[in-house]
């Protein structure tokens, strides 16, 4: 029995070590996110962002980063709640207790630039 457990653990550990962190570059998802947020990112002013305040054109600000979530509006589990801060700062709502931790990874897919300081 101990031998079987040891073999299973060895296989799992070996797979963990041999599987690359990211299939294309060896980087983690967070490394990619940080690369997206580099100094070459597009910068948007509040006036421009505020014009994207509809179901069919929805941008939000989270911690001074701008996200185009238009394609996600219809899929949002909270229904139209996502539209309550469309074109505006959504940081407080985003970090609310209603969100599972996976949204912190998902939001990076919608990143388009930074808020003008």
Protein backbone atom coordinates (compact mmCIF):
# COMPACT_ATOMS: atom_id res chain seq x y z
CA UNK A 1 0.00 0.00 0.00
CA UNK A 2 2.79 2.42 0.90
CA UNK A 3 4.56 1.64 -2.37
CA UNK A 4 1.41 2.47 -4.39
CA UNK A 5 0.97 5.80 -2.58
CA UNK A 6 4.65 6.62 -3.11
CA UNK A 7 4.40 5.85 -6.85
CA UNK A 8 1.25 7.98 -7.24
CA UNK A 9 2.88 10.90 -5.41
CA UNK A 10 6.03 10.55 -7.51
CA UNK A 11 4.00 10.63 -10.74
CA UNK A 12 2.03 13.68 -9.61
CA UNK A 13 5.15 15.50 -8.49
CA UNK A 14 6.92 14.63 -11.74
CA UNK A 15 3.98 15.92 -13.78
CA UNK A 16 3.91 19.13 -11.76
CA UNK A 17 7.61 19.74 -12.37
CA UNK A 18 7.55 18.79 -16.06
CA UNK A 19 4.47 20.77 -17.09
CA UNK A 20 5.52 24.28 -18.17
CA UNK A 21 3.97 27.18 -16.33
CA UNK A 22 2.66 28.66 -19.56
CA UNK A 23 2.52 26.60 -22.74
CA UNK A 24 3.92 29.27 -25.06
CA UNK A 25 6.48 31.16 -23.06
CA UNK A 26 7.06 29.54 -19.70
CA UNK A 27 5.58 32.60 -18.03
CA UNK A 28 2.75 32.55 -15.55
CA UNK A 29 -0.56 34.27 -16.20
CA UNK A 30 0.42 37.05 -13.79
CA UNK A 31 3.62 37.62 -15.75
CA UNK A 32 1.52 38.08 -18.87
CA UNK A 33 -0.85 40.45 -17.08
CA UNK A 34 2.04 42.59 -15.92
CA UNK A 35 3.40 42.66 -19.46
CA UNK A 36 0.04 43.91 -20.72
CA UNK A 37 0.15 46.73 -18.18
CA UNK A 38 3.49 48.02 -19.38
CA UNK A 39 4.36 51.63 -20.05
CA UNK A 40 3.26 51.19 -23.69
CA UNK A 41 -0.39 50.78 -22.65
CA UNK A 42 -2.99 53.08 -24.19
CA UNK A 43 -4.21 55.84 -21.87
CA UNK A 44 -7.87 56.92 -21.70
CA UNK A 45 -9.39 60.00 -20.09
CA UNK A 46 -12.55 59.89 -17.95
CA UNK A 47 -14.49 61.78 -20.60
CA UNK A 48 -13.77 59.20 -23.28
CA UNK A 49 -14.48 56.31 -20.90
CA UNK A 50 -17.79 57.83 -19.79
CA UNK A 51 -19.12 57.67 -23.37
CA UNK A 52 -18.89 53.86 -23.25
CA UNK A 53 -21.83 53.44 -20.88
CA UNK A 54 -24.28 51.18 -22.71
CA UNK A 55 -25.02 47.47 -22.88
CA UNK A 56 -23.63 47.43 -26.43
CA UNK A 57 -20.56 49.53 -25.55
CA UNK A 58 -19.46 49.03 -21.95
CA UNK A 59 -16.13 50.09 -20.48
CA UNK A 60 -15.32 50.10 -16.79
CA UNK A 61 -12.44 51.32 -14.62
CA UNK A 62 -10.94 49.07 -11.95
CA UNK A 63 -8.00 50.40 -9.96
CA UNK A 64 -7.05 52.92 -12.66
CA UNK A 65 -7.11 50.28 -15.40
CA UNK A 66 -9.65 50.40 -18.25
CA UNK A 67 -11.54 47.31 -19.39
CA UNK A 68 -13.90 46.86 -22.35
CA UNK A 69 -16.43 44.37 -20.95
CA UNK A 70 -18.98 44.78 -23.74
CA UNK A 71 -18.69 41.15 -24.81
CA UNK A 72 -19.24 40.01 -21.22
CA UNK A 73 -22.33 42.07 -20.34
CA UNK A 74 -24.83 39.43 -21.49
CA UNK A 75 -22.91 36.64 -19.69
CA UNK A 76 -22.53 38.51 -16.39
CA UNK A 77 -24.00 36.29 -13.65
CA UNK A 78 -25.17 39.38 -11.77
CA UNK A 79 -27.31 40.47 -14.72
CA UNK A 80 -27.43 44.20 -15.35
CA UNK A 81 -25.46 45.00 -12.19
CA UNK A 82 -22.40 45.30 -14.38
CA UNK A 83 -24.07 48.24 -16.12
CA UNK A 84 -24.53 50.25 -12.91
CA UNK A 85 -21.02 51.67 -13.32
CA UNK A 86 -20.68 51.42 -17.09
CA UNK A 87 -18.37 54.17 -18.30
CA UNK A 88 -17.24 54.84 -14.74
CA UNK A 89 -15.20 53.48 -11.84
CA UNK A 90 -16.32 49.98 -10.92
CA UNK A 91 -13.55 49.18 -8.42
CA UNK A 92 -15.75 48.99 -5.34
CA UNK A 93 -18.33 46.72 -6.97
CA UNK A 94 -15.68 44.54 -8.56
CA UNK A 95 -14.05 43.81 -5.21
CA UNK A 96 -17.40 43.14 -3.52
CA UNK A 97 -18.18 39.88 -1.72
CA UNK A 98 -20.40 38.66 -4.58
CA UNK A 99 -17.44 37.90 -6.83
CA UNK A 100 -15.52 34.64 -6.78
CA UNK A 101 -11.75 34.91 -6.93
CA UNK A 102 -11.71 33.70 -10.55
CA UNK A 103 -12.95 37.13 -11.71
CA UNK A 104 -9.53 38.54 -10.85
CA UNK A 105 -8.02 36.35 -13.57
CA UNK A 106 -10.92 36.78 -16.00
CA UNK A 107 -10.85 40.58 -16.01
CA UNK A 108 -7.40 40.66 -17.59
CA UNK A 109 -8.88 39.38 -20.85
CA UNK A 110 -10.79 42.66 -21.14
CA UNK A 111 -7.92 45.07 -20.36
CA UNK A 112 -7.51 47.82 -22.96
CA UNK A 113 -5.44 50.49 -21.21
CA UNK A 114 -4.88 52.77 -18.26
CA UNK A 115 -6.82 55.67 -16.79
CA UNK A 116 -5.25 59.04 -17.46
CA UNK A 117 -3.81 60.49 -14.26
